[in-house]
Protein backbone atom coordinates (compact mmCIF):
# COMPACT_ATOMS: atom_id res chain seq x y z
CA UNK A 1 23.08 29.66 -3.57
CA UNK A 2 21.40 26.32 -2.80
CA UNK A 3 19.55 26.47 -6.11
CA UNK A 4 22.89 26.27 -7.95
CA UNK A 5 23.78 22.89 -6.45
CA UNK A 6 23.02 19.76 -8.46
CA UNK A 7 23.38 16.69 -6.27
CA UNK A 8 23.44 13.31 -8.03
CA UNK A 9 24.76 9.82 -7.47
CA UNK A 10 27.91 8.55 -9.15
CA UNK A 11 29.08 7.98 -11.81
CA UNK A 12 29.47 11.67 -12.62
CA UNK A 13 31.33 11.16 -15.91
CA UNK A 14 29.33 9.30 -18.51
CA UNK A 15 29.97 8.09 -22.03
CA UNK A 16 27.45 8.69 -24.79
CA UNK A 17 27.87 5.10 -25.96
CA UNK A 18 25.23 2.72 -24.63
CA UNK A 19 25.33 -1.08 -24.55
CA UNK A 20 23.57 -1.63 -27.86
CA UNK A 21 25.89 0.82 -29.64
CA UNK A 22 28.98 -0.87 -28.22
CA UNK A 23 27.70 -4.33 -29.15
CA UNK A 24 26.85 -3.14 -32.66
CA UNK A 25 30.41 -1.89 -33.13
CA UNK A 26 31.77 -5.24 -31.89
CA UNK A 27 29.58 -7.02 -34.43
CA UNK A 28 30.85 -4.74 -37.20
CA UNK A 29 34.45 -5.36 -36.09
CA UNK A 30 33.86 -9.13 -36.22
CA UNK A 31 32.48 -9.03 -39.77
CA UNK A 32 35.92 -9.33 -41.49
CA UNK A 33 36.77 -12.50 -39.54
CA UNK A 34 33.23 -13.85 -40.00
CA UNK A 35 33.19 -13.12 -43.71
CA UNK A 36 36.58 -14.72 -44.25
CA UNK A 37 35.57 -17.75 -42.19
CA UNK A 38 32.50 -18.31 -44.36
CA UNK A 39 34.59 -17.82 -47.52
CA UNK A 40 37.26 -20.19 -46.20
CA UNK A 41 35.02 -22.97 -44.88
CA UNK A 42 31.88 -22.57 -46.99
CA UNK A 43 28.17 -22.78 -46.29
CA UNK A 44 28.67 -24.97 -43.21
CA UNK A 45 30.36 -22.05 -41.47
CA UNK A 46 27.44 -19.75 -42.31
CA UNK A 47 25.02 -22.33 -40.88
CA UNK A 48 26.93 -22.58 -37.59
CA UNK A 49 27.04 -18.77 -37.28
CA UNK A 50 23.29 -18.52 -37.90
CA UNK A 51 22.46 -21.34 -35.45
CA UNK A 52 24.59 -19.87 -32.66
CA UNK A 53 23.23 -16.34 -33.01
CA UNK A 54 19.59 -17.46 -33.30
CA UNK A 55 19.85 -19.88 -30.37
CA UNK A 56 21.51 -17.29 -28.12
CA UNK A 57 18.86 -14.66 -28.85
CA UNK A 58 15.97 -17.12 -28.43
CA UNK A 59 17.44 -18.55 -25.20
CA UNK A 60 17.74 -15.09 -23.64
CA UNK A 61 14.24 -14.12 -24.75
CA UNK A 62 12.62 -17.33 -23.44
CA UNK A 63 14.48 -17.19 -20.11
CA UNK A 64 13.45 -13.59 -19.47
CA UNK A 65 9.83 -14.33 -20.39
CA UNK A 66 9.71 -17.34 -18.08
CA UNK A 67 11.34 -15.43 -15.22
CA UNK A 68 9.16 -12.36 -15.90
CA UNK A 69 12.20 -10.14 -16.46
CA UNK A 70 12.54 -7.22 -18.88
CA UNK A 71 13.46 -8.47 -22.35
CA UNK A 72 17.02 -7.34 -23.14
CA UNK A 73 17.72 -8.91 -26.53
CA UNK A 74 17.66 -5.41 -28.02
CA UNK A 75 21.05 -4.64 -26.45
CA UNK A 76 22.61 -7.08 -28.97
CA UNK A 77 24.79 -8.74 -26.32
CA UNK A 78 23.23 -12.15 -27.10
CA UNK A 79 24.08 -11.63 -30.78
CA UNK A 80 27.70 -10.91 -29.88
CA UNK A 81 27.86 -14.01 -27.66
CA UNK A 82 26.43 -16.19 -30.42
CA UNK A 83 28.79 -14.75 -33.02
CA UNK A 84 31.87 -15.18 -30.82
CA UNK A 85 30.90 -18.74 -29.96
CA UNK A 86 30.42 -19.59 -33.64
CA UNK A 87 33.81 -18.13 -34.51
CA UNK A 88 35.35 -20.42 -31.87
CA UNK A 89 33.83 -23.58 -33.33
CA UNK A 90 35.03 -25.76 -36.22
CA UNK A 91 32.78 -25.56 -39.28
CA UNK A 92 32.41 -29.35 -39.31
CA UNK A 93 30.67 -29.48 -35.94
CA UNK A 94 27.00 -30.66 -35.99
CA UNK A 95 24.53 -27.80 -35.69
CA UNK A 96 22.87 -29.31 -32.62
CA UNK A 97 26.14 -29.18 -30.67
CA UNK A 98 26.46 -25.50 -31.59
CA UNK A 99 22.91 -25.00 -30.31
CA UNK A 100 23.69 -26.75 -27.00
CA UNK A 101 26.73 -24.54 -26.54
CA UNK A 102 24.67 -21.42 -27.24
CA UNK A 103 22.06 -22.36 -24.63
CA UNK A 104 24.82 -23.04 -22.10
CA UNK A 105 26.47 -19.68 -22.83
CA UNK A 106 23.28 -17.68 -22.30
CA UNK A 107 21.40 -19.59 -19.61
CA UNK A 108 24.18 -21.04 -17.45
CA UNK A 109 27.03 -18.56 -17.81
CA UNK A 110 25.12 -15.32 -18.37
CA UNK A 111 21.50 -15.28 -17.18
CA UNK A 112 21.78 -17.43 -14.05
CA UNK A 113 24.38 -14.99 -12.74
CA UNK A 114 22.18 -11.94 -13.30
CA UNK A 115 22.47 -11.17 -17.01
CA UNK A 116 24.78 -8.85 -18.87
CA UNK A 117 27.57 -7.43 -16.73
CA UNK A 118 27.07 -9.98 -13.92
CA UNK A 119 28.69 -13.06 -15.46
CA UNK A 120 32.05 -14.05 -13.96
CA UNK A 121 33.47 -15.52 -17.18
CA UNK A 122 33.12 -14.83 -20.88
CA UNK A 123 29.93 -16.66 -21.96
CA UNK A 124 31.23 -17.66 -25.41
CA UNK A 125 34.47 -19.08 -24.01
CA UNK A 126 32.65 -20.75 -21.13
CA UNK A 127 30.46 -22.51 -23.68
CA UNK A 128 33.45 -23.46 -25.85
CA UNK A 129 35.23 -25.08 -22.91
CA UNK A 130 32.00 -26.87 -21.95
CA UNK A 131 31.74 -28.28 -25.47
CA UNK A 132 35.44 -29.24 -25.46
CA UNK A 133 34.81 -31.32 -22.34
CA UNK A 134 31.55 -32.88 -23.56
CA UNK A 135 32.34 -33.35 -27.26
CA UNK A 136 36.13 -33.48 -27.42
CA UNK A 137 36.39 -35.47 -30.65
CA UNK A 138 33.92 -33.26 -32.50
CA UNK A 139 35.48 -30.03 -31.22
CA UNK A 140 38.99 -31.05 -32.25
CA UNK A 141 38.07 -32.44 -35.67
CA UNK A 142 39.14 -29.82 -38.21
CA UNK A 143 38.30 -30.26 -41.86
CA UNK A 144 39.87 -28.18 -44.61
CA UNK A 145 39.23 -28.65 -48.32
CA UNK A 146 37.25 -31.75 -47.47
CA UNK A 147 40.13 -33.39 -45.60
CA UNK A 148 40.41 -33.86 -41.82
CA UNK A 149 43.77 -32.45 -40.79
CA UNK A 150 45.69 -31.10 -37.82
CA UNK A 151 45.88 -27.38 -37.13
CA UNK A 152 49.21 -25.60 -37.71
CA UNK A 153 49.74 -25.29 -33.95
CA UNK A 154 49.33 -29.05 -33.53
CA UNK A 155 51.83 -29.63 -36.34
CA UNK A 156 54.22 -27.14 -34.71
CA UNK A 157 53.78 -28.86 -31.35
CA UNK A 158 54.74 -32.22 -32.87
CA UNK A 159 57.91 -30.75 -34.37
CA UNK A 160 56.63 -30.30 -37.92
CA UNK A 161 56.99 -27.25 -40.15
CA UNK A 162 54.19 -24.84 -41.02
CA UNK A 163 53.67 -21.95 -43.42
CA UNK A 164 53.55 -18.64 -41.52
CA UNK A 165 52.12 -16.77 -44.50
CA UNK A 166 49.16 -19.15 -44.75
CA UNK A 167 48.61 -18.68 -41.01
CA UNK A 168 48.67 -14.91 -41.42
CA UNK A 169 46.21 -14.85 -44.32
CA UNK A 170 44.03 -17.63 -42.94
CA UNK A 171 44.04 -20.43 -45.51
CA UNK A 172 44.53 -23.10 -42.85
CA UNK A 173 42.40 -25.49 -40.79
CA UNK A 174 41.01 -24.17 -37.53
CA UNK A 175 37.85 -22.71 -36.05
CA UNK A 176 35.66 -20.48 -38.20
CA UNK A 177 36.94 -17.13 -36.99
CA UNK A 178 40.47 -17.69 -35.74
CA UNK A 179 42.37 -18.49 -38.93
CA UNK A 180 42.89 -15.09 -40.59
CA UNK A 181 45.05 -12.80 -38.46
CA UNK A 182 44.66 -10.05 -41.07
CA UNK A 183 40.86 -10.12 -40.77
CA UNK A 184 41.01 -10.16 -36.95
CA UNK A 185 43.45 -7.26 -36.78
CA UNK A 186 41.29 -5.25 -39.21
CA UNK A 187 38.36 -5.60 -36.82
CA UNK A 188 40.51 -4.91 -33.77
CA UNK A 189 41.75 -1.65 -35.29
CA UNK A 190 38.11 -0.52 -35.60
CA UNK A 191 37.47 -1.16 -31.90
CA UNK A 192 40.69 0.57 -30.87
CA UNK A 193 39.99 3.63 -33.00
CA UNK A 194 36.46 4.12 -31.65
CA UNK A 195 37.61 3.46 -28.09
CA UNK A 196 35.49 0.38 -27.45
CA UNK A 197 38.46 -1.66 -26.21
CA UNK A 198 41.56 -0.64 -24.26
CA UNK A 199 44.92 -1.45 -25.86
CA UNK A 200 46.46 -2.25 -22.46
CA UNK A 201 44.93 -5.73 -22.26
CA UNK A 202 45.71 -7.15 -25.72
CA UNK A 203 49.14 -5.54 -25.99
CA UNK A 204 50.31 -6.61 -22.52
CA UNK A 205 48.89 -10.09 -23.26
CA UNK A 206 50.76 -10.48 -26.56
CA UNK A 207 54.03 -8.96 -25.30
CA UNK A 208 54.04 -11.19 -22.20
CA UNK A 209 53.31 -14.26 -24.30
CA UNK A 210 56.23 -13.48 -26.62
CA UNK A 211 58.57 -12.97 -23.64
CA UNK A 212 57.39 -16.28 -22.18
CA UNK A 213 58.24 -18.06 -25.44
CA UNK A 214 61.68 -16.44 -25.54
CA UNK A 215 62.42 -17.54 -21.97
CA UNK A 216 60.92 -21.03 -21.87
CA UNK A 217 60.23 -22.43 -25.36
CA UNK A 218 62.88 -24.54 -27.09
CA UNK A 219 62.57 -22.47 -30.27
CA UNK A 220 61.75 -19.27 -28.42
CA UNK A 221 64.57 -17.31 -30.00
CA UNK A 222 63.45 -18.18 -33.52
CA UNK A 223 61.42 -15.25 -34.96
CA UNK A 224 59.67 -17.62 -37.39
CA UNK A 225 58.51 -19.84 -34.53
CA UNK A 226 57.22 -16.84 -32.56
CA UNK A 227 55.38 -15.55 -35.63
CA UNK A 228 53.67 -18.90 -36.09
CA UNK A 229 52.68 -18.99 -32.42
CA UNK A 230 51.18 -15.50 -32.66
CA UNK A 231 49.27 -16.28 -35.86
CA UNK A 232 48.09 -19.73 -34.78
CA UNK A 233 45.06 -20.70 -32.75
CA UNK A 234 42.79 -18.25 -30.99
CA UNK A 235 45.43 -15.90 -29.60
CA UNK A 236 44.58 -12.83 -31.67
CA UNK A 237 40.81 -13.38 -31.56
CA UNK A 238 40.98 -13.96 -27.81
CA UNK A 239 43.30 -11.04 -27.08
CA UNK A 240 41.26 -8.39 -28.88
CA UNK A 241 37.68 -9.65 -28.71
CA UNK A 242 37.28 -11.84 -25.61
CA UNK A 243 39.93 -10.87 -23.08
CA UNK A 244 38.64 -7.29 -23.39
CA UNK A 245 35.07 -8.18 -22.41
CA UNK A 246 33.89 -5.41 -20.07
CA UNK A 247 32.16 -7.70 -17.58
CA UNK A 248 35.07 -10.09 -17.11
CA UNK A 249 38.13 -7.81 -17.30
CA UNK A 250 39.50 -5.33 -14.71
CA UNK A 251 38.31 -1.72 -14.65
CA UNK A 252 41.56 -0.22 -13.35
CA UNK A 253 44.31 0.74 -15.80
CA UNK A 254 47.03 -1.01 -13.82
CA UNK A 255 44.73 -3.99 -13.37
CA UNK A 256 44.32 -4.31 -17.14
CA UNK A 257 48.09 -4.60 -17.52
CA UNK A 258 48.33 -7.20 -14.73
CA UNK A 259 45.44 -9.06 -16.33
CA UNK A 260 47.20 -9.09 -19.71
CA UNK A 261 50.42 -10.33 -18.09
CA UNK A 262 48.52 -13.17 -16.40
CA UNK A 263 46.91 -14.08 -19.73
CA UNK A 264 50.27 -14.18 -21.49
CA UNK A 265 51.81 -16.37 -18.80
CA UNK A 266 48.87 -18.79 -18.68
CA UNK A 267 48.73 -19.12 -22.47
CA UNK A 268 52.47 -19.72 -22.55
CA UNK A 269 52.18 -22.44 -19.89
CA UNK A 270 49.43 -24.21 -21.82
CA UNK A 271 51.22 -24.02 -25.17
CA UNK A 272 54.76 -24.78 -24.03
CA UNK A 273 54.39 -27.20 -21.12
CA UNK A 274 51.03 -28.94 -21.59
CA UNK A 275 50.11 -31.67 -24.06
CA UNK A 276 47.69 -29.26 -25.75
CA UNK A 277 48.80 -27.08 -28.66
CA UNK A 278 46.31 -24.35 -27.71
CA UNK A 279 45.17 -22.94 -24.37
CA UNK A 280 43.81 -19.44 -25.04
CA UNK A 281 40.25 -20.27 -23.97
CA UNK A 282 41.30 -21.86 -20.69
CA UNK A 283 43.79 -19.06 -20.02
CA UNK A 284 41.13 -16.36 -20.42
CA UNK A 285 38.58 -18.19 -18.26
CA UNK A 286 41.17 -18.83 -15.52
CA UNK A 287 42.19 -15.16 -15.54
CA UNK A 288 38.52 -14.11 -15.49
CA UNK A 289 38.42 -15.71 -12.03
CA UNK A 290 41.37 -13.57 -10.93
CA UNK A 291 39.74 -10.26 -11.92
CA UNK A 292 38.23 -9.48 -8.46
CA UNK A 293 41.65 -10.04 -6.85
CA UNK A 294 43.42 -7.96 -9.51
CA UNK A 295 40.96 -5.10 -9.04
CA UNK A 296 41.30 -5.28 -5.27
CA UNK A 297 45.09 -4.85 -5.33
CA UNK A 298 45.11 -2.19 -8.07
CA UNK A 299 42.38 0.14 -6.82
CA UNK A 300 43.81 3.66 -6.39
CA UNK A 301 44.25 4.92 -2.85
CA UNK A 302 41.81 7.52 -1.56
CA UNK A 303 43.06 11.00 -0.68
CA UNK A 304 42.86 12.28 2.87
CA UNK A 305 42.83 10.74 6.30
CA UNK A 306 41.92 7.06 6.27
CA UNK A 307 42.85 6.68 2.62
CA UNK A 308 45.33 3.90 3.39
CA UNK A 309 42.69 1.82 5.17
């Protein structure tokens, strides 16, 4: 009878997908937004994407060599970080600032905390916020068709009118990867269909944000205003591609919903009550810090005596 027992450590249920496969699918899902961003902003956008990806991969490789750690660039996580960072940058930004942000994302946010899966915040967003603090003017200078102009969200914040259709298709100023909602949703559908991301986080995020606008925004009952808010800025890119990061989002199903609700509330606070027209990056990073608490209060109770302890 003893020969029939197979004793092993948890986890006992495993997925056939490994890290490199998951990261490859994320890269594929980001291609529509990346391709449109390069088409929309030109060769400068392609340069920023290339610089961010190359710098992230090289930074991880050099750090692991210096620290005598196994080289992990084959898992493609550094490529994903570089691509996400590039998509969160304006195409007009100097390449050396993009490189600084990439080094910060990999070395400071990711590797110094133990590498993939150990970072407490999304590396790409951590780097974006770092660059916003250090190079505010450069990070908020958006050029479209050769003209420096405000983003639709900034125009909306100042009381101006914007074109919702242009915001949906993406022919507007903004960062490289956030402008086309259609391209972002196309990639998100891929991740949802293959099961790489859980719909609970982005859907609870978006629904909560809409409810927040209805309750607290002056124009919150105007469907056109809500549409523009959903299509503007980094909301869709953040909801589907960065808020769902495995390392910085809750593992419990209920926790994912709570996490999405927190994201929606924080984004609403930034957009409605602050002087900034955006706020997605700061909202996600702030909620990343709440993940341990969210997981602690949403862990399922154990069966049997002592389960309530």
